N, C-alpha and C. Protein backbone atom coordinates (compact mmCIF):
# COMPACT_ATOMS: atom_id res chain seq x y z
N MET A 1 24.31 -30.32 -98.51
CA MET A 1 25.80 -30.97 -97.90
C MET A 1 26.24 -31.40 -100.21
N LYS A 2 25.64 -31.11 -100.60
CA LYS A 2 26.46 -31.09 -101.75
C LYS A 2 27.37 -29.95 -102.07
N LYS A 3 26.85 -28.86 -101.76
CA LYS A 3 27.54 -27.62 -101.59
C LYS A 3 28.77 -27.30 -101.13
N ARG A 4 29.02 -28.23 -99.74
CA ARG A 4 30.17 -28.74 -98.96
C ARG A 4 31.33 -29.61 -100.03
N LEU A 5 30.60 -30.35 -100.80
CA LEU A 5 31.94 -31.60 -101.61
C LEU A 5 32.05 -31.06 -103.18
N THR A 6 31.85 -30.01 -103.22
CA THR A 6 32.23 -29.47 -104.98
C THR A 6 33.83 -29.53 -105.14
N HIS A 7 34.51 -29.87 -104.31
CA HIS A 7 36.07 -29.92 -104.37
C HIS A 7 36.24 -31.86 -104.98
N LEU A 8 35.15 -32.58 -104.76
CA LEU A 8 35.35 -33.65 -105.24
C LEU A 8 35.61 -34.22 -106.39
N PRO A 9 35.11 -33.35 -107.70
CA PRO A 9 35.41 -34.06 -108.68
C PRO A 9 36.76 -33.83 -109.20
N ALA A 10 37.89 -32.45 -108.62
CA ALA A 10 38.66 -32.59 -108.92
C ALA A 10 40.11 -33.54 -108.22
N GLN A 11 39.45 -34.17 -107.29
CA GLN A 11 40.12 -35.07 -106.47
C GLN A 11 39.94 -36.46 -107.72
N LEU A 12 38.68 -36.48 -108.04
CA LEU A 12 38.50 -38.09 -108.09
C LEU A 12 38.64 -37.90 -109.88
N ILE A 13 39.13 -36.62 -110.68
CA ILE A 13 39.81 -36.36 -112.13
C ILE A 13 41.52 -37.07 -111.81
N ALA A 14 41.71 -36.46 -110.50
CA ALA A 14 43.45 -36.57 -110.45
C ALA A 14 43.41 -38.07 -110.42
N MET A 15 42.46 -38.48 -109.14
CA MET A 15 42.86 -39.98 -109.13
C MET A 15 42.88 -41.05 -110.38
N ALA A 16 41.79 -40.45 -111.33
CA ALA A 16 41.62 -41.51 -112.98
C ALA A 16 43.00 -40.72 -113.56
N ILE A 17 43.45 -39.64 -113.44
CA ILE A 17 45.08 -39.76 -114.26
C ILE A 17 46.26 -40.22 -113.77
N VAL A 18 45.82 -40.63 -112.21
CA VAL A 18 47.03 -41.29 -111.89
C VAL A 18 46.92 -42.54 -112.25
N LEU A 19 45.64 -43.21 -112.06
CA LEU A 19 45.86 -44.55 -112.71
C LEU A 19 45.74 -44.80 -114.27
N VAL A 20 45.59 -43.50 -114.84
CA VAL A 20 45.67 -43.97 -116.40
C VAL A 20 47.38 -43.93 -116.35
N VAL A 21 47.96 -43.18 -115.99
CA VAL A 21 49.45 -42.94 -115.74
C VAL A 21 50.41 -44.01 -115.45
N THR A 22 50.04 -44.73 -114.32
CA THR A 22 51.09 -45.36 -113.37
C THR A 22 50.41 -46.84 -113.46
N VAL A 23 48.73 -47.22 -113.71
CA VAL A 23 48.90 -48.46 -114.02
C VAL A 23 49.58 -49.13 -115.09
N PRO A 24 49.82 -48.61 -116.79
CA PRO A 24 50.70 -49.41 -117.52
C PRO A 24 51.83 -49.74 -116.87
N ILE A 25 52.19 -48.22 -116.45
CA ILE A 25 53.78 -48.86 -116.12
C ILE A 25 53.80 -50.08 -115.29
N ALA A 26 53.18 -49.85 -114.06
CA ALA A 26 53.51 -51.36 -113.53
C ALA A 26 52.84 -52.23 -113.83
N LEU A 27 52.10 -52.88 -115.08
CA LEU A 27 51.88 -53.65 -115.73
C LEU A 27 52.53 -54.30 -116.79
N TRP A 28 53.32 -52.85 -117.23
CA TRP A 28 54.78 -53.34 -117.85
C TRP A 28 55.69 -53.89 -117.25
N ARG A 29 56.01 -53.24 -115.79
CA ARG A 29 57.30 -53.45 -114.95
C ARG A 29 57.26 -54.65 -114.11
N ASP A 30 56.06 -55.16 -113.74
CA ASP A 30 55.53 -56.32 -112.62
C ASP A 30 54.56 -57.21 -113.02
N GLY A 31 53.70 -56.91 -114.20
CA GLY A 31 52.77 -57.67 -114.78
C GLY A 31 51.64 -57.31 -114.05
N GLY A 32 50.19 -58.41 -113.51
CA GLY A 32 49.35 -58.33 -112.59
C GLY A 32 49.48 -57.56 -111.41
N ALA A 33 50.70 -58.63 -111.26
CA ALA A 33 50.43 -58.50 -109.54
C ALA A 33 50.90 -56.75 -109.36
N GLY A 34 51.55 -56.39 -110.42
CA GLY A 34 51.91 -54.48 -109.92
C GLY A 34 51.24 -53.76 -110.20
N ALA A 35 50.25 -53.83 -111.49
CA ALA A 35 49.30 -53.20 -111.49
C ALA A 35 48.10 -53.55 -110.67
N GLY A 36 47.71 -54.41 -110.15
CA GLY A 36 46.74 -54.81 -109.14
C GLY A 36 47.09 -54.08 -107.95
N GLY A 37 48.26 -53.98 -107.39
CA GLY A 37 48.74 -53.72 -106.85
C GLY A 37 48.91 -51.59 -106.52
N ASP A 38 49.07 -51.34 -107.81
CA ASP A 38 48.42 -49.78 -108.00
C ASP A 38 47.41 -49.55 -107.63
N VAL A 39 46.46 -50.26 -108.68
CA VAL A 39 44.78 -49.87 -108.45
C VAL A 39 44.64 -50.00 -106.90
N ALA A 40 44.83 -50.59 -106.39
CA ALA A 40 44.96 -51.39 -104.95
C ALA A 40 45.57 -49.86 -103.78
N GLY A 41 46.31 -49.56 -104.27
CA GLY A 41 47.14 -48.16 -103.52
C GLY A 41 46.06 -47.04 -103.78
N VAL A 42 46.07 -47.01 -105.07
CA VAL A 42 44.70 -45.24 -105.57
C VAL A 42 43.27 -46.01 -105.13
N ALA A 43 42.61 -46.94 -105.02
CA ALA A 43 41.56 -46.74 -104.40
C ALA A 43 41.45 -47.05 -102.91
N LEU A 44 42.63 -47.06 -102.51
CA LEU A 44 42.82 -47.19 -101.03
C LEU A 44 42.63 -45.89 -100.66
N VAL A 45 43.31 -44.91 -101.58
CA VAL A 45 43.53 -43.68 -100.92
C VAL A 45 42.11 -42.73 -101.26
N THR A 46 41.71 -43.00 -102.42
CA THR A 46 40.37 -42.35 -103.01
C THR A 46 39.12 -42.60 -102.20
N LEU A 47 39.06 -43.87 -101.45
CA LEU A 47 38.29 -44.07 -100.87
C LEU A 47 38.73 -43.77 -99.06
N SER A 48 39.90 -43.36 -98.73
CA SER A 48 39.65 -42.58 -97.77
C SER A 48 39.46 -41.69 -97.66
N TYR A 49 39.72 -40.74 -98.56
CA TYR A 49 39.85 -39.40 -98.78
C TYR A 49 37.88 -39.34 -98.94
N VAL A 50 37.22 -39.62 -100.07
CA VAL A 50 35.99 -39.91 -100.11
C VAL A 50 35.35 -39.62 -98.93
N VAL A 51 35.57 -40.89 -97.64
CA VAL A 51 35.09 -40.67 -96.81
C VAL A 51 35.48 -39.91 -96.07
N SER A 52 36.40 -39.25 -95.56
CA SER A 52 36.88 -38.00 -94.73
C SER A 52 35.94 -36.84 -95.74
N SER A 53 35.79 -36.80 -96.42
CA SER A 53 34.85 -35.46 -97.02
C SER A 53 33.77 -35.36 -96.47
N LEU A 54 33.09 -36.61 -96.69
CA LEU A 54 31.52 -37.05 -96.36
C LEU A 54 31.60 -36.70 -95.23
N VAL A 55 32.35 -37.55 -93.85
CA VAL A 55 31.83 -37.18 -92.58
C VAL A 55 32.24 -35.44 -92.24
N ILE A 56 33.01 -34.97 -93.09
CA ILE A 56 33.72 -33.53 -92.40
C ILE A 56 32.72 -32.69 -92.67
N ALA A 57 31.61 -33.01 -94.23
CA ALA A 57 31.02 -32.38 -94.58
C ALA A 57 29.52 -32.67 -93.61
N TRP A 58 29.18 -33.30 -93.37
CA TRP A 58 28.17 -34.29 -92.36
C TRP A 58 28.12 -33.43 -91.00
N THR A 59 29.30 -33.63 -90.64
CA THR A 59 29.87 -32.90 -89.53
C THR A 59 29.58 -31.30 -89.43
N ASP A 60 30.63 -30.56 -90.47
CA ASP A 60 30.06 -29.02 -90.65
C ASP A 60 28.33 -28.61 -90.69
N LEU A 61 27.86 -29.84 -91.31
CA LEU A 61 26.15 -29.50 -91.61
C LEU A 61 25.63 -29.57 -90.59
N ARG A 62 25.46 -30.81 -89.44
CA ARG A 62 25.12 -30.74 -88.63
C ARG A 62 25.58 -30.59 -86.96
N ALA A 63 26.92 -30.06 -86.76
CA ALA A 63 27.33 -30.11 -85.85
C ALA A 63 28.97 -29.41 -85.90
N ARG A 64 28.68 -27.74 -85.96
CA ARG A 64 29.59 -27.29 -86.42
C ARG A 64 31.35 -27.35 -85.72
N HIS A 65 30.10 -26.93 -83.99
CA HIS A 65 30.96 -27.03 -82.84
C HIS A 65 32.13 -28.45 -83.01
N LEU A 66 31.41 -29.57 -83.35
CA LEU A 66 32.47 -30.78 -83.35
C LEU A 66 33.31 -30.92 -84.55
N LEU A 67 33.21 -30.06 -85.75
CA LEU A 67 34.10 -30.14 -86.33
C LEU A 67 35.41 -30.65 -86.50
N LEU A 68 36.18 -29.64 -85.62
CA LEU A 68 37.73 -30.45 -85.36
C LEU A 68 38.03 -31.46 -84.78
N PRO A 69 37.23 -32.00 -83.65
CA PRO A 69 37.60 -33.58 -82.93
C PRO A 69 37.18 -34.69 -84.29
N VAL A 70 35.93 -33.87 -84.61
CA VAL A 70 35.53 -34.90 -85.63
C VAL A 70 36.40 -35.51 -86.70
N ALA A 71 37.03 -34.74 -87.73
CA ALA A 71 38.28 -34.39 -88.35
C ALA A 71 39.14 -34.59 -88.01
N LEU A 72 39.58 -34.73 -86.83
CA LEU A 72 41.16 -35.30 -85.92
C LEU A 72 41.03 -36.89 -85.82
N ALA A 73 39.91 -37.02 -85.29
CA ALA A 73 39.36 -38.47 -85.30
C ALA A 73 39.01 -39.48 -86.92
N THR A 74 38.57 -38.55 -87.52
CA THR A 74 38.50 -39.45 -88.52
C THR A 74 39.94 -39.27 -89.62
N TYR A 75 40.51 -38.57 -89.19
CA TYR A 75 42.29 -38.80 -90.25
C TYR A 75 42.83 -39.84 -89.04
N LEU A 76 43.16 -39.41 -88.03
CA LEU A 76 43.31 -41.03 -87.37
C LEU A 76 42.71 -42.53 -87.34
N ILE A 77 41.92 -42.59 -87.38
CA ILE A 77 41.72 -43.49 -88.05
C ILE A 77 41.40 -44.21 -89.56
N LYS A 78 41.57 -43.01 -90.41
CA LYS A 78 42.02 -43.59 -91.47
C LYS A 78 43.47 -43.96 -91.86
N PHE A 79 44.63 -43.31 -91.06
CA PHE A 79 45.99 -43.28 -91.13
C PHE A 79 45.81 -44.81 -90.85
N THR A 80 45.44 -45.08 -89.54
CA THR A 80 45.05 -46.14 -88.81
C THR A 80 45.10 -47.64 -89.61
N LEU A 81 43.82 -47.62 -90.47
CA LEU A 81 43.52 -48.69 -91.42
C LEU A 81 43.86 -48.58 -92.07
N ILE A 82 45.03 -47.50 -93.07
CA ILE A 82 45.59 -47.38 -94.02
C ILE A 82 46.81 -48.80 -93.57
N GLY A 83 47.43 -47.89 -92.38
CA GLY A 83 48.16 -49.00 -92.11
C GLY A 83 48.31 -50.56 -91.92
N LEU A 84 47.35 -50.48 -91.20
CA LEU A 84 46.77 -51.93 -90.69
C LEU A 84 46.23 -53.18 -91.85
N ALA A 85 45.71 -52.26 -93.41
CA ALA A 85 46.00 -52.49 -94.28
C ALA A 85 47.19 -53.35 -95.02
N MET A 86 48.20 -52.02 -95.08
CA MET A 86 49.15 -52.43 -95.78
C MET A 86 50.65 -53.26 -94.89
N TRP A 87 50.10 -53.46 -93.44
CA TRP A 87 50.61 -54.55 -92.53
C TRP A 87 49.84 -56.06 -92.91
N VAL A 88 48.47 -55.84 -93.03
CA VAL A 88 48.06 -57.19 -93.45
C VAL A 88 48.49 -57.67 -95.03
N VAL A 89 48.32 -57.19 -95.92
CA VAL A 89 49.15 -57.31 -97.05
C VAL A 89 50.47 -57.73 -96.99
N LEU A 90 51.43 -57.04 -96.38
CA LEU A 90 52.46 -56.86 -96.31
C LEU A 90 53.18 -59.17 -95.74
N SER A 91 52.17 -59.39 -94.48
CA SER A 91 51.90 -60.66 -94.12
C SER A 91 51.58 -61.30 -95.10
N THR A 92 50.72 -61.50 -96.48
CA THR A 92 50.47 -62.04 -97.21
C THR A 92 51.57 -62.60 -98.24
N GLY A 93 52.83 -61.60 -98.24
CA GLY A 93 53.63 -61.71 -99.12
C GLY A 93 53.21 -61.50 -100.45
N TRP A 94 52.06 -60.49 -100.65
CA TRP A 94 51.73 -60.35 -102.34
C TRP A 94 52.86 -59.03 -102.77
N SER A 95 53.21 -59.94 -104.11
CA SER A 95 54.14 -58.98 -104.87
C SER A 95 53.63 -57.69 -105.52
N GLY A 96 52.68 -57.58 -105.28
CA GLY A 96 51.91 -56.20 -105.59
C GLY A 96 52.40 -54.82 -104.94
N LEU A 97 52.30 -55.12 -103.65
CA LEU A 97 52.83 -54.69 -102.09
C LEU A 97 53.85 -53.35 -102.50
N PRO A 98 55.01 -53.01 -103.20
CA PRO A 98 55.70 -52.15 -103.55
C PRO A 98 54.80 -51.15 -104.44
N TRP A 99 54.13 -51.74 -105.13
CA TRP A 99 53.46 -50.80 -106.18
C TRP A 99 52.31 -50.25 -105.26
N MET A 100 51.63 -51.23 -104.46
CA MET A 100 50.45 -50.57 -103.63
C MET A 100 51.27 -49.24 -102.66
N GLY A 101 52.37 -48.99 -102.07
CA GLY A 101 53.07 -48.16 -101.56
C GLY A 101 53.06 -46.96 -102.34
N VAL A 102 53.97 -47.26 -103.72
CA VAL A 102 54.62 -45.94 -104.25
C VAL A 102 52.66 -45.49 -104.58
N ALA A 103 51.78 -46.35 -105.30
CA ALA A 103 50.92 -45.84 -105.70
C ALA A 103 49.73 -44.73 -104.54
N VAL A 104 49.97 -45.04 -103.06
CA VAL A 104 49.36 -44.23 -102.03
C VAL A 104 50.14 -43.10 -101.88
N ILE A 105 51.40 -43.31 -102.12
CA ILE A 105 52.04 -42.13 -102.09
C ILE A 105 51.76 -40.95 -103.01
N VAL A 106 51.57 -41.75 -104.33
CA VAL A 106 51.23 -40.72 -105.50
C VAL A 106 50.44 -40.17 -105.43
N ALA A 107 49.52 -41.15 -105.01
CA ALA A 107 47.82 -40.30 -104.78
C ALA A 107 47.84 -39.54 -103.98
N VAL A 108 48.61 -39.95 -102.80
CA VAL A 108 48.15 -38.89 -101.77
C VAL A 108 49.01 -37.54 -102.33
N ILE A 109 49.76 -37.51 -102.84
CA ILE A 109 50.71 -35.96 -103.60
C ILE A 109 49.35 -35.47 -104.93
N ALA A 110 49.09 -36.34 -105.34
CA ALA A 110 48.25 -36.20 -106.52
C ALA A 110 46.94 -35.50 -105.85
N TRP A 111 46.15 -36.10 -104.97
CA TRP A 111 45.26 -35.48 -104.39
C TRP A 111 44.92 -34.07 -103.61
N MET A 112 46.28 -33.85 -102.43
CA MET A 112 46.04 -33.10 -102.46
C MET A 112 46.54 -31.82 -103.05
N THR A 113 47.08 -32.25 -103.76
CA THR A 113 47.59 -31.05 -105.16
C THR A 113 46.26 -31.05 -105.84
N ALA A 114 45.33 -31.27 -106.18
CA ALA A 114 44.71 -30.99 -107.07
C ALA A 114 43.32 -30.36 -105.82
N HIS A 115 43.15 -30.41 -104.92
CA HIS A 115 42.79 -29.98 -103.83
C HIS A 115 43.56 -28.34 -103.84
N ALA A 116 44.29 -28.18 -103.43
CA ALA A 116 45.01 -27.25 -103.64
C ALA A 116 44.64 -26.48 -105.03
N VAL A 117 45.15 -26.82 -105.98
CA VAL A 117 44.74 -25.93 -107.18
C VAL A 117 43.50 -25.55 -106.95
N TRP A 118 42.41 -26.74 -106.85
CA TRP A 118 40.27 -26.44 -106.28
C TRP A 118 40.70 -25.15 -105.59
N VAL A 119 41.14 -24.72 -104.15
CA VAL A 119 40.94 -24.19 -103.26
C VAL A 119 42.16 -22.54 -103.97
N TRP A 120 42.42 -22.85 -104.42
CA TRP A 120 43.28 -21.76 -105.17
C TRP A 120 42.54 -21.16 -106.05
N ARG A 121 41.40 -21.70 -107.14
CA ARG A 121 40.88 -21.42 -108.54
C ARG A 121 39.44 -20.91 -107.42
N ALA A 122 38.89 -21.51 -106.51
CA ALA A 122 37.35 -21.73 -106.25
C ALA A 122 36.93 -20.21 -105.57
N LYS A 123 36.36 -19.31 -106.04
CA LYS A 123 35.48 -18.16 -105.57
C LYS A 123 34.58 -19.09 -104.17
N ILE A 124 35.81 -18.28 -102.82
CA ILE A 124 34.94 -18.88 -101.59
C ILE A 124 34.92 -17.48 -101.05
N PRO A 125 33.84 -17.07 -100.43
CA PRO A 125 33.29 -16.04 -99.80
C PRO A 125 34.20 -16.09 -98.58
N TYR A 126 34.50 -14.71 -97.62
CA TYR A 126 35.25 -14.73 -96.71
C TYR A 126 33.78 -14.66 -95.42
N VAL A 127 32.82 -14.01 -95.92
CA VAL A 127 31.69 -14.01 -95.13
C VAL A 127 30.63 -14.83 -95.54
N GLU A 128 29.76 -15.22 -95.31
CA GLU A 128 27.84 -15.58 -95.68
C GLU A 128 27.48 -14.77 -96.28
N VAL A 129 26.96 -15.10 -97.63
CA VAL A 129 26.29 -14.09 -98.84
C VAL A 129 25.17 -14.46 -98.48
């Protein structure tokens, strides 16, 4: 399974960079609530993508014929849970919600960019070696 998760370090480094760049801005702009929202948004994206990666890697290892339905179900559940989390936070009136939303968008873009760069640079054989 470790072989199927070699992309994760690149994305986790990207998430750390997002936090290093955005938390000071959020803290300066909106104080602790803004910084908390920023951290919550990045953490939510990081957790969701790591869980998706683990589920997809496990399915690929154990039951490759179920990979597409499991991956699609994982993403459907993930996006539903992220939407529900944002909705629950919205109902509390927490002032960090705008930063959480921005952080989710920035973190997704950073994660996908890091993944694309990793794929571009990876030496992935077209056939089993």
